[in-house]
Amino acid sequence: MDGSVRASSDSSAGPPPYIRGNEGSLVSAMKTLLFFTILMVTLPIGLYFSSKAYIFEGSMKMSSSDSYFYAAIVAVLAVHVVLALFVYVAWNEGTPKSKGKHD
C-alpha cells in the first residue's frame, strides 16, 4: 500500500518559477485596452456635445430637439468607429511584422 500512495516531493518545493516571456505582450495589451477604453468614453460624449452646439445648433440653425437627434447619431457612429478600430488593432496585435518576401 505504501507503493501506490506516494507523496510528491515537488509539491513542497513551492510555486513554479515565474516566466517573463509574455510580460511585454501583456503590458502592450493592457495599454491598448486602456487607450480604447478612454477613447470609447471621451470621443462619443465629446462629439455629441460639440456637434450639437457648434454644428447642428450653431452652423445649421436647427431646433434643440432636432439637434439632439442628429448629435446622437454622430455619437453612435463614433462608438462604431472606435469599436471597429479596436477589433482591427486587437486582431493584428499578435501577428509578426515581416520585412521580406516569403517563398
PDB file of N, CA and C in Angstrom:
ATOM      1  N   MET A   1       0.807  -1.184   0.000  1.00  0.00           N
ATOM      2  CA  MET A   1       0.000   0.000   0.000  1.00  0.00           C
ATOM      3  C   MET A   1       0.854   1.253   0.000  1.00  0.00           C
ATOM      4  N   ASP A   2       2.006   1.182   0.578  1.00  0.00           N
ATOM      5  CA  ASP A   2       2.885   2.336   0.594  1.00  0.00           C
ATOM      6  C   ASP A   2       3.393   2.675  -0.796  1.00  0.00           C
ATOM      7  N   GLY A   3       3.468   1.688  -1.686  1.00  0.00           N
ATOM      8  CA  GLY A   3       3.968   1.924  -3.031  1.00  0.00           C
ATOM      9  C   GLY A   3       2.971   2.661  -3.902  1.00  0.00           C
ATOM     10  N   SER A   4       1.653   2.480  -3.668  1.00  0.00           N
ATOM     11  CA  SER A   4       0.653   3.107  -4.519  1.00  0.00           C
ATOM     12  C   SER A   4       0.365   4.548  -4.126  1.00  0.00           C
ATOM     13  N   VAL A   5       0.518   4.899  -2.851  1.00  0.00           N
ATOM     14  CA  VAL A   5       0.269   6.262  -2.394  1.00  0.00           C
ATOM     15  C   VAL A   5       1.615   6.877  -2.061  1.00  0.00           C
ATOM     16  N   ARG A   6       2.022   7.811  -2.855  1.00  0.00           N
ATOM     17  CA  ARG A   6       3.334   8.405  -2.711  1.00  0.00           C
ATOM     18  C   ARG A   6       3.206   9.923  -2.634  1.00  0.00           C
ATOM     19  N   ALA A   7       3.851  10.537  -1.686  1.00  0.00           N
ATOM     20  CA  ALA A   7       3.836  11.990  -1.565  1.00  0.00           C
ATOM     21  C   ALA A   7       4.842  12.563  -2.541  1.00  0.00           C
ATOM     22  N   SER A   8       4.425  13.540  -3.260  1.00  0.00           N
ATOM     23  CA  SER A   8       5.292  14.158  -4.247  1.00  0.00           C
ATOM     24  C   SER A   8       6.219  15.155  -3.570  1.00  0.00           C
ATOM     25  N   SER A   9       7.494  15.061  -3.862  1.00  0.00           N
ATOM     26  CA  SER A   9       8.448  15.989  -3.274  1.00  0.00           C
ATOM     27  C   SER A   9       8.397  17.343  -3.969  1.00  0.00           C
ATOM     28  N   ASP A  10       7.817  17.385  -5.193  1.00  0.00           N
ATOM     29  CA  ASP A  10       7.722  18.645  -5.933  1.00  0.00           C
ATOM     30  C   ASP A  10       6.689  19.589  -5.334  1.00  0.00           C
ATOM     31  N   SER A  11       5.655  19.071  -4.681  1.00  0.00           N
ATOM     32  CA  SER A  11       4.610  19.929  -4.135  1.00  0.00           C
ATOM     33  C   SER A  11       5.117  20.756  -2.965  1.00  0.00           C
ATOM     34  N   SER A  12       6.137  20.301  -2.267  1.00  0.00           N
ATOM     35  CA  SER A  12       6.669  21.062  -1.153  1.00  0.00           C
ATOM     36  C   SER A  12       7.750  22.033  -1.590  1.00  0.00           C
ATOM     37  N   ALA A  13       8.130  21.992  -2.861  1.00  0.00           N
ATOM     38  CA  ALA A  13       9.199  22.849  -3.360  1.00  0.00           C
ATOM     39  C   ALA A  13       8.738  24.292  -3.570  1.00  0.00           C
ATOM     40  N   GLY A  14       7.447  24.546  -3.641  1.00  0.00           N
ATOM     41  CA  GLY A  14       6.942  25.905  -3.821  1.00  0.00           C
ATOM     42  C   GLY A  14       6.338  26.085  -5.194  1.00  0.00           C
ATOM     43  N   PRO A  15       5.988  27.327  -5.519  1.00  0.00           N
ATOM     44  CA  PRO A  15       5.356  27.585  -6.821  1.00  0.00           C
ATOM     45  C   PRO A  15       6.360  27.428  -7.953  1.00  0.00           C
ATOM     46  N   PRO A  16       5.848  27.200  -9.150  1.00  0.00           N
ATOM     47  CA  PRO A  16       6.755  27.075 -10.297  1.00  0.00           C
ATOM     48  C   PRO A  16       7.442  28.406 -10.574  1.00  0.00           C
ATOM     49  N   PRO A  17       8.584  28.387 -11.220  1.00  0.00           N
ATOM     50  CA  PRO A  17       9.295  29.638 -11.494  1.00  0.00           C
ATOM     51  C   PRO A  17       8.487  30.549 -12.409  1.00  0.00           C
ATOM     52  N   TYR A  18       8.636  31.831 -12.195  1.00  0.00           N
ATOM     53  CA  TYR A  18       7.919  32.839 -12.974  1.00  0.00           C
ATOM     54  C   TYR A  18       8.621  33.030 -14.305  1.00  0.00           C
ATOM     55  N   ILE A  19       7.878  32.872 -15.387  1.00  0.00           N
ATOM     56  CA  ILE A  19       8.437  33.032 -16.721  1.00  0.00           C
ATOM     57  C   ILE A  19       8.033  34.394 -17.239  1.00  0.00           C
ATOM     58  N   ARG A  20       8.993  35.207 -17.635  1.00  0.00           N
ATOM     59  CA  ARG A  20       8.737  36.585 -18.052  1.00  0.00           C
ATOM     60  C   ARG A  20       8.550  36.723 -19.554  1.00  0.00           C
ATOM     61  N   GLY A  21       8.284  35.656 -20.255  1.00  0.00           N
ATOM     62  CA  GLY A  21       8.187  35.719 -21.703  1.00  0.00           C
ATOM     63  C   GLY A  21       7.010  36.514 -22.212  1.00  0.00           C
ATOM     64  N   ASN A  22       5.874  36.482 -21.542  1.00  0.00           N
ATOM     65  CA  ASN A  22       4.666  37.149 -22.024  1.00  0.00           C
ATOM     66  C   ASN A  22       4.391  38.467 -21.326  1.00  0.00           C
ATOM     67  N   GLU A  23       5.301  38.954 -20.522  1.00  0.00           N
ATOM     68  CA  GLU A  23       5.060  40.184 -19.778  1.00  0.00           C
ATOM     69  C   GLU A  23       4.946  41.390 -20.704  1.00  0.00           C
ATOM     70  N   GLY A  24       5.764  41.460 -21.720  1.00  0.00           N
ATOM     71  CA  GLY A  24       5.705  42.585 -22.660  1.00  0.00           C
ATOM     72  C   GLY A  24       4.416  42.607 -23.444  1.00  0.00           C
ATOM     73  N   SER A  25       3.952  41.444 -23.870  1.00  0.00           N
ATOM     74  CA  SER A  25       2.699  41.410 -24.616  1.00  0.00           C
ATOM     75  C   SER A  25       1.511  41.715 -23.717  1.00  0.00           C
ATOM     76  N   LEU A  26       1.591  41.347 -22.443  1.00  0.00           N
ATOM     77  CA  LEU A  26       0.510  41.670 -21.502  1.00  0.00           C
ATOM     78  C   LEU A  26       0.444  43.170 -21.266  1.00  0.00           C
ATOM     79  N   VAL A  27       1.586  43.802 -21.093  1.00  0.00           N
ATOM     80  CA  VAL A  27       1.615  45.255 -20.893  1.00  0.00           C
ATOM     81  C   VAL A  27       1.106  45.966 -22.147  1.00  0.00           C
ATOM     82  N   SER A  28       1.505  45.475 -23.309  1.00  0.00           N
ATOM     83  CA  SER A  28       1.045  46.061 -24.563  1.00  0.00           C
ATOM     84  C   SER A  28      -0.469  45.921 -24.710  1.00  0.00           C
ATOM     85  N   ALA A  29      -0.995  44.766 -24.365  1.00  0.00           N
ATOM     86  CA  ALA A  29      -2.440  44.552 -24.459  1.00  0.00           C
ATOM     87  C   ALA A  29      -3.198  45.432 -23.472  1.00  0.00           C
ATOM     88  N   MET A  30      -2.651  45.606 -22.282  1.00  0.00           N
ATOM     89  CA  MET A  30      -3.320  46.457 -21.293  1.00  0.00           C
ATOM     90  C   MET A  30      -3.280  47.926 -21.720  1.00  0.00           C
ATOM     91  N   LYS A  31      -2.175  48.367 -22.320  1.00  0.00           N
ATOM     92  CA  LYS A  31      -2.107  49.743 -22.821  1.00  0.00           C
ATOM     93  C   LYS A  31      -3.117  49.971 -23.934  1.00  0.00           C
ATOM     94  N   THR A  32      -3.227  48.991 -24.822  1.00  0.00           N
ATOM     95  CA  THR A  32      -4.194  49.093 -25.914  1.00  0.00           C
ATOM     96  C   THR A  32      -5.614  49.152 -25.369  1.00  0.00           C
ATOM     97  N   LEU A  33      -5.917  48.285 -24.412  1.00  0.00           N
ATOM     98  CA  LEU A  33      -7.253  48.265 -23.816  1.00  0.00           C
ATOM     99  C   LEU A  33      -7.548  49.564 -23.089  1.00  0.00           C
ATOM    100  N   LEU A  34      -6.586  50.093 -22.354  1.00  0.00           N
ATOM    101  CA  LEU A  34      -6.788  51.350 -21.639  1.00  0.00           C
ATOM    102  C   LEU A  34      -7.003  52.505 -22.619  1.00  0.00           C
ATOM    103  N   PHE A  35      -6.223  52.539 -23.692  1.00  0.00           N
ATOM    104  CA  PHE A  35      -6.373  53.595 -24.692  1.00  0.00           C
ATOM    105  C   PHE A  35      -7.762  53.570 -25.315  1.00  0.00           C
ATOM    106  N   PHE A  36      -8.225  52.391 -25.722  1.00  0.00           N
ATOM    107  CA  PHE A  36      -9.532  52.321 -26.365  1.00  0.00           C
ATOM    108  C   PHE A  36     -10.675  52.502 -25.371  1.00  0.00           C
ATOM    109  N   THR A  37     -10.459  52.175 -24.108  1.00  0.00           N
ATOM    110  CA  THR A  37     -11.482  52.448 -23.088  1.00  0.00           C
ATOM    111  C   THR A  37     -11.665  53.940 -22.905  1.00  0.00           C
ATOM    112  N   ILE A  38     -10.550  54.658 -22.794  1.00  0.00           N
ATOM    113  CA  ILE A  38     -10.633  56.112 -22.656  1.00  0.00           C
ATOM    114  C   ILE A  38     -11.244  56.734 -23.911  1.00  0.00           C
ATOM    115  N   LEU A  39     -10.836  56.239 -25.069  1.00  0.00           N
ATOM    116  CA  LEU A  39     -11.383  56.744 -26.333  1.00  0.00           C
ATOM    117  C   LEU A  39     -12.883  56.464 -26.434  1.00  0.00           C
ATOM    118  N   MET A  40     -13.319  55.297 -25.957  1.00  0.00           N
ATOM    119  CA  MET A  40     -14.732  54.923 -26.025  1.00  0.00           C
ATOM    120  C   MET A  40     -15.593  55.818 -25.138  1.00  0.00           C
ATOM    121  N   VAL A  41     -15.034  56.296 -24.056  1.00  0.00           N
ATOM    122  CA  VAL A  41     -15.805  57.159 -23.156  1.00  0.00           C
ATOM    123  C   VAL A  41     -15.783  58.606 -23.633  1.00  0.00           C
ATOM    124  N   THR A  42     -14.621  59.099 -23.989  1.00  0.00           N
ATOM    125  CA  THR A  42     -14.494  60.536 -24.263  1.00  0.00           C
ATOM    126  C   THR A  42     -14.947  60.945 -25.663  1.00  0.00           C
ATOM    127  N   LEU A  43     -14.621  60.157 -26.674  1.00  0.00           N
ATOM    128  CA  LEU A  43     -14.918  60.570 -28.045  1.00  0.00           C
ATOM    129  C   LEU A  43     -16.419  60.711 -28.333  1.00  0.00           C
ATOM    130  N   PRO A  44     -17.256  59.714 -28.035  1.00  0.00           N
ATOM    131  CA  PRO A  44     -18.690  59.900 -28.327  1.00  0.00           C
ATOM    132  C   PRO A  44     -19.339  61.028 -27.534  1.00  0.00           C
ATOM    133  N   ILE A  45     -18.958  61.161 -26.264  1.00  0.00           N
ATOM    134  CA  ILE A  45     -19.541  62.230 -25.447  1.00  0.00           C
ATOM    135  C   ILE A  45     -19.097  63.591 -25.958  1.00  0.00           C
ATOM    136  N   GLY A  46     -17.810  63.711 -26.258  1.00  0.00           N
ATOM    137  CA  GLY A  46     -17.306  64.980 -26.777  1.00  0.00           C
ATOM    138  C   GLY A  46     -17.909  65.336 -28.120  1.00  0.00           C
ATOM    139  N   LEU A  47     -18.011  64.338 -29.006  1.00  0.00           N
ATOM    140  CA  LEU A  47     -18.620  64.602 -30.309  1.00  0.00           C
ATOM    141  C   LEU A  47     -20.106  64.932 -30.190  1.00  0.00           C
ATOM    142  N   TYR A  48     -20.779  64.315 -29.237  1.00  0.00           N
ATOM    143  CA  TYR A  48     -22.206  64.603 -29.057  1.00  0.00           C
ATOM    144  C   TYR A  48     -22.410  66.074 -28.722  1.00  0.00           C
ATOM    145  N   PHE A  49     -21.728  66.538 -27.674  1.00  0.00           N
ATOM    146  CA  PHE A  49     -21.961  67.910 -27.232  1.00  0.00           C
ATOM    147  C   PHE A  49     -21.387  68.942 -28.196  1.00  0.00           C
ATOM    148  N   SER A  50     -20.233  68.643 -28.779  1.00  0.00           N
ATOM    149  CA  SER A  50     -19.658  69.629 -29.698  1.00  0.00           C
ATOM    150  C   SER A  50     -20.443  69.706 -31.010  1.00  0.00           C
ATOM    151  N   SER A  51     -20.877  68.567 -31.536  1.00  0.00           N
ATOM    152  CA  SER A  51     -21.665  68.623 -32.774  1.00  0.00           C
ATOM    153  C   SER A  51     -23.035  69.240 -32.533  1.00  0.00           C
ATOM    154  N   LYS A  52     -23.620  68.993 -31.377  1.00  0.00           N
ATOM    155  CA  LYS A  52     -24.913  69.593 -31.058  1.00  0.00           C
ATOM    156  C   LYS A  52     -24.798  71.109 -30.972  1.00  0.00           C
ATOM    157  N   ALA A  53     -23.786  71.586 -30.263  1.00  0.00           N
ATOM    158  CA  ALA A  53     -23.675  73.024 -30.038  1.00  0.00           C
ATOM    159  C   ALA A  53     -23.138  73.767 -31.261  1.00  0.00           C
ATOM    160  N   TYR A  54     -22.087  73.250 -31.868  1.00  0.00           N
ATOM    161  CA  TYR A  54     -21.404  74.018 -32.913  1.00  0.00           C
ATOM    162  C   TYR A  54     -21.916  73.728 -34.324  1.00  0.00           C
ATOM    163  N   ILE A  55     -22.202  72.473 -34.607  1.00  0.00           N
ATOM    164  CA  ILE A  55     -22.603  72.138 -35.981  1.00  0.00           C
ATOM    165  C   ILE A  55     -24.107  72.289 -36.172  1.00  0.00           C
ATOM    166  N   PHE A  56     -24.879  71.557 -35.370  1.00  0.00           N
ATOM    167  CA  PHE A  56     -26.319  71.497 -35.642  1.00  0.00           C
ATOM    168  C   PHE A  56     -27.077  72.734 -35.163  1.00  0.00           C
ATOM    169  N   GLU A  57     -26.757  73.236 -33.961  1.00  0.00           N
ATOM    170  CA  GLU A  57     -27.452  74.438 -33.490  1.00  0.00           C
ATOM    171  C   GLU A  57     -26.745  75.706 -33.950  1.00  0.00           C
ATOM    172  N   GLY A  58     -25.412  75.661 -34.046  1.00  0.00           N
ATOM    173  CA  GLY A  58     -24.668  76.869 -34.420  1.00  0.00           C
ATOM    174  C   GLY A  58     -24.663  77.132 -35.911  1.00  0.00           C
ATOM    175  N   SER A  59     -24.136  76.188 -36.670  1.00  0.00           N
ATOM    176  CA  SER A  59     -23.990  76.411 -38.117  1.00  0.00           C
ATOM    177  C   SER A  59     -25.277  76.180 -38.882  1.00  0.00           C
ATOM    178  N   MET A  60     -25.983  75.116 -38.543  1.00  0.00           N
ATOM    179  CA  MET A  60     -27.177  74.756 -39.311  1.00  0.00           C
ATOM    180  C   MET A  60     -28.466  75.351 -38.765  1.00  0.00           C
ATOM    181  N   LYS A  61     -28.390  76.010 -37.618  1.00  0.00           N
ATOM    182  CA  LYS A  61     -29.548  76.688 -37.000  1.00  0.00           C
ATOM    183  C   LYS A  61     -30.745  75.752 -36.802  1.00  0.00           C
ATOM    184  N   MET A  62     -30.482  74.520 -36.353  1.00  0.00           N
ATOM    185  CA  MET A  62     -31.569  73.563 -36.087  1.00  0.00           C
ATOM    186  C   MET A  62     -32.168  73.834 -34.715  1.00  0.00           C
ATOM    187  N   SER A  63     -33.376  73.321 -34.514  1.00  0.00           N
ATOM    188  CA  SER A  63     -34.006  73.435 -33.207  1.00  0.00           C
ATOM    189  C   SER A  63     -33.304  72.497 -32.223  1.00  0.00           C
ATOM    190  N   SER A  64     -33.573  72.703 -30.957  1.00  0.00           N
ATOM    191  CA  SER A  64     -32.918  71.912 -29.918  1.00  0.00           C
ATOM    192  C   SER A  64     -33.287  70.432 -30.010  1.00  0.00           C
ATOM    193  N   SER A  65     -34.552  70.146 -30.301  1.00  0.00           N
ATOM    194  CA  SER A  65     -34.969  68.741 -30.380  1.00  0.00           C
ATOM    195  C   SER A  65     -34.370  68.033 -31.593  1.00  0.00           C
ATOM    196  N   ASP A  66     -34.249  68.735 -32.702  1.00  0.00           N
ATOM    197  CA  ASP A  66     -33.619  68.137 -33.880  1.00  0.00           C
ATOM    198  C   ASP A  66     -32.122  67.932 -33.667  1.00  0.00           C
ATOM    199  N   SER A  67     -31.489  68.885 -33.012  1.00  0.00           N
ATOM    200  CA  SER A  67     -30.046  68.765 -32.804  1.00  0.00           C
ATOM    201  C   SER A  67     -29.713  67.629 -31.848  1.00  0.00           C
ATOM    202  N   TYR A  68     -30.580  67.328 -30.874  1.00  0.00           N
ATOM    203  CA  TYR A  68     -30.367  66.162 -30.000  1.00  0.00           C
ATOM    204  C   TYR A  68     -30.327  64.880 -30.823  1.00  0.00           C
ATOM    205  N   PHE A  69     -31.256  64.772 -31.733  1.00  0.00           N
ATOM    206  CA  PHE A  69     -31.370  63.565 -32.554  1.00  0.00           C
ATOM    207  C   PHE A  69     -30.132  63.360 -33.432  1.00  0.00           C
ATOM    208  N   TYR A  70     -29.720  64.396 -34.146  1.00  0.00           N
ATOM    209  CA  TYR A  70     -28.592  64.262 -35.052  1.00  0.00           C
ATOM    210  C   TYR A  70     -27.264  64.130 -34.304  1.00  0.00           C
ATOM    211  N   ALA A  71     -27.149  64.776 -33.163  1.00  0.00           N
ATOM    212  CA  ALA A  71     -25.931  64.626 -32.356  1.00  0.00           C
ATOM    213  C   ALA A  71     -25.821  63.212 -31.799  1.00  0.00           C
ATOM    214  N   ALA A  72     -26.950  62.605 -31.473  1.00  0.00           N
ATOM    215  CA  ALA A  72     -26.927  61.218 -31.007  1.00  0.00           C
ATOM    216  C   ALA A  72     -26.481  60.276 -32.119  1.00  0.00           C
ATOM    217  N   ILE A  73     -26.879  60.559 -33.335  1.00  0.00           N
ATOM    218  CA  ILE A  73     -26.433  59.745 -34.476  1.00  0.00           C
ATOM    219  C   ILE A  73     -24.919  59.859 -34.644  1.00  0.00           C
ATOM    220  N   VAL A  74     -24.386  61.060 -34.491  1.00  0.00           N
ATOM    221  CA  VAL A  74     -22.937  61.254 -34.588  1.00  0.00           C
ATOM    222  C   VAL A  74     -22.217  60.470 -33.493  1.00  0.00           C
ATOM    223  N   ALA A  75     -22.758  60.490 -32.275  1.00  0.00           N
ATOM    224  CA  ALA A  75     -22.140  59.763 -31.165  1.00  0.00           C
ATOM    225  C   ALA A  75     -22.180  58.251 -31.390  1.00  0.00           C
ATOM    226  N   VAL A  76     -23.278  57.746 -31.902  1.00  0.00           N
ATOM    227  CA  VAL A  76     -23.380  56.303 -32.183  1.00  0.00           C
ATOM    228  C   VAL A  76     -22.406  55.899 -33.279  1.00  0.00           C
ATOM    229  N   LEU A  77     -22.263  56.720 -34.299  1.00  0.00           N
ATOM    230  CA  LEU A  77     -21.274  56.431 -35.343  1.00  0.00           C
ATOM    231  C   LEU A  77     -19.856  56.440 -34.786  1.00  0.00           C
ATOM    232  N   ALA A  78     -19.573  57.342 -33.859  1.00  0.00           N
ATOM    233  CA  ALA A  78     -18.249  57.385 -33.229  1.00  0.00           C
ATOM    234  C   ALA A  78     -17.981  56.117 -32.423  1.00  0.00           C
ATOM    235  N   VAL A  79     -18.992  55.611 -31.731  1.00  0.00           N
ATOM    236  CA  VAL A  79     -18.839  54.356 -30.983  1.00  0.00           C
ATOM    237  C   VAL A  79     -18.503  53.217 -31.931  1.00  0.00           C
ATOM    238  N   HIS A  80     -19.189  53.161 -33.055  1.00  0.00           N
ATOM    239  CA  HIS A  80     -18.925  52.092 -34.018  1.00  0.00           C
ATOM    240  C   HIS A  80     -17.528  52.191 -34.617  1.00  0.00           C
ATOM    241  N   VAL A  81     -17.067  53.389 -34.875  1.00  0.00           N
ATOM    242  CA  VAL A  81     -15.719  53.569 -35.416  1.00  0.00           C
ATOM    243  C   VAL A  81     -14.668  53.129 -34.392  1.00  0.00           C
ATOM    244  N   VAL A  82     -14.856  53.515 -33.131  1.00  0.00           N
ATOM    245  CA  VAL A  82     -13.899  53.116 -32.089  1.00  0.00           C
ATOM    246  C   VAL A  82     -13.904  51.599 -31.912  1.00  0.00           C
ATOM    247  N   LEU A  83     -15.060  50.977 -31.926  1.00  0.00           N
ATOM    248  CA  LEU A  83     -15.121  49.519 -31.811  1.00  0.00           C
ATOM    249  C   LEU A  83     -14.453  48.826 -32.994  1.00  0.00           C
ATOM    250  N   ALA A  84     -14.665  49.344 -34.188  1.00  0.00           N
ATOM    251  CA  ALA A  84     -14.030  48.751 -35.362  1.00  0.00           C
ATOM    252  C   ALA A  84     -12.513  48.903 -35.295  1.00  0.00           C
ATOM    253  N   LEU A  85     -12.033  50.050 -34.853  1.00  0.00           N
ATOM    254  CA  LEU A  85     -10.595  50.246 -34.701  1.00  0.00           C
ATOM    255  C   LEU A  85     -10.013  49.319 -33.642  1.00  0.00           C
ATOM    256  N   PHE A  86     -10.740  49.125 -32.548  1.00  0.00           N
ATOM    257  CA  PHE A  86     -10.263  48.220 -31.502  1.00  0.00           C
ATOM    258  C   PHE A  86     -10.163  46.790 -32.013  1.00  0.00           C
ATOM    259  N   VAL A  87     -11.161  46.343 -32.727  1.00  0.00           N
ATOM    260  CA  VAL A  87     -11.129  44.984 -33.277  1.00  0.00           C
ATOM    261  C   VAL A  87      -9.974  44.844 -34.260  1.00  0.00           C
ATOM    262  N   TYR A  88      -9.748  45.842 -35.097  1.00  0.00           N
ATOM    263  CA  TYR A  88      -8.646  45.799 -36.063  1.00  0.00           C
ATOM    264  C   TYR A  88      -7.291  45.727 -35.351  1.00  0.00           C
ATOM    265  N   VAL A  89      -7.100  46.575 -34.341  1.00  0.00           N
ATOM    266  CA  VAL A  89      -5.830  46.592 -33.615  1.00  0.00           C
ATOM    267  C   VAL A  89      -5.643  45.294 -32.830  1.00  0.00           C
ATOM    268  N   ALA A  90      -6.690  44.807 -32.193  1.00  0.00           N
ATOM    269  CA  ALA A  90      -6.579  43.565 -31.429  1.00  0.00           C
ATOM    270  C   ALA A  90      -6.322  42.373 -32.347  1.00  0.00           C
ATOM    271  N   TRP A  91      -6.901  42.376 -33.522  1.00  0.00           N
ATOM    272  CA  TRP A  91      -6.700  41.282 -34.468  1.00  0.00           C
ATOM    273  C   TRP A  91      -5.257  41.240 -34.976  1.00  0.00           C
ATOM    274  N   ASN A  92      -4.694  42.406 -35.224  1.00  0.00           N
ATOM    275  CA  ASN A  92      -3.343  42.483 -35.780  1.00  0.00           C
ATOM    276  C   ASN A  92      -2.247  42.603 -34.731  1.00  0.00           C
ATOM    277  N   GLU A  93      -2.600  42.601 -33.464  1.00  0.00           N
ATOM    278  CA  GLU A  93      -1.604  42.812 -32.416  1.00  0.00           C
ATOM    279  C   GLU A  93      -0.629  41.645 -32.289  1.00  0.00           C
ATOM    280  N   GLY A  94      -1.073  40.432 -32.455  1.00  0.00           N
ATOM    281  CA  GLY A  94      -0.212  39.274 -32.271  1.00  0.00           C
ATOM    282  C   GLY A  94       0.524  38.821 -33.504  1.00  0.00           C
ATOM    283  N   THR A  95       0.242  39.413 -34.640  1.00  0.00           N
ATOM    284  CA  THR A  95       0.892  38.951 -35.879  1.00  0.00           C
ATOM    285  C   THR A  95       2.280  39.566 -35.978  1.00  0.00           C
ATOM    286  N   PRO A  96       3.267  38.758 -36.360  1.00  0.00           N
ATOM    287  CA  PRO A  96       4.619  39.289 -36.504  1.00  0.00           C
ATOM    288  C   PRO A  96       4.742  40.146 -37.755  1.00  0.00           C
ATOM    289  N   LYS A  97       5.582  41.127 -37.666  1.00  0.00           N
ATOM    290  CA  LYS A  97       5.816  42.020 -38.794  1.00  0.00           C
ATOM    291  C   LYS A  97       6.943  41.423 -39.642  1.00  0.00           C
ATOM    292  N   SER A  98       6.655  41.117 -40.903  1.00  0.00           N
ATOM    293  CA  SER A  98       7.675  40.545 -41.778  1.00  0.00           C
ATOM    294  C   SER A  98       8.214  41.631 -42.700  1.00  0.00           C
ATOM    295  N   LYS A  99       9.528  41.573 -42.951  1.00  0.00           N
ATOM    296  CA  LYS A  99      10.158  42.596 -43.776  1.00  0.00           C
ATOM    297  C   LYS A  99      10.556  42.089 -45.152  1.00  0.00           C
ATOM    298  N   GLY A 100      10.463  40.813 -45.391  1.00  0.00           N
ATOM    299  CA  GLY A 100      10.908  40.291 -46.667  1.00  0.00           C
ATOM    300  C   GLY A 100       9.835  39.490 -47.367  1.00  0.00           C
ATOM    301  N   LYS A 101      10.250  38.953 -48.530  1.00  0.00           N
ATOM    302  CA  LYS A 101       9.334  38.099 -49.280  1.00  0.00           C
ATOM    303  C   LYS A 101       9.378  36.706 -48.718  1.00  0.00           C
ATOM    304  N   HIS A 102       8.235  36.056 -48.696  1.00  0.00           N
ATOM    305  CA  HIS A 102       8.164  34.644 -48.300  1.00  0.00           C
ATOM    306  C   HIS A 102       8.084  33.803 -49.557  1.00  0.00           C
ATOM    307  N   ASP A 103       8.951  32.789 -49.667  1.00  0.00           N
ATOM    308  CA  ASP A 103       8.940  31.919 -50.834  1.00  0.00           C
ATOM    309  C   ASP A 103       8.111  30.686 -50.586  1.00  0.00           C
TER     310      ASP A 103
END
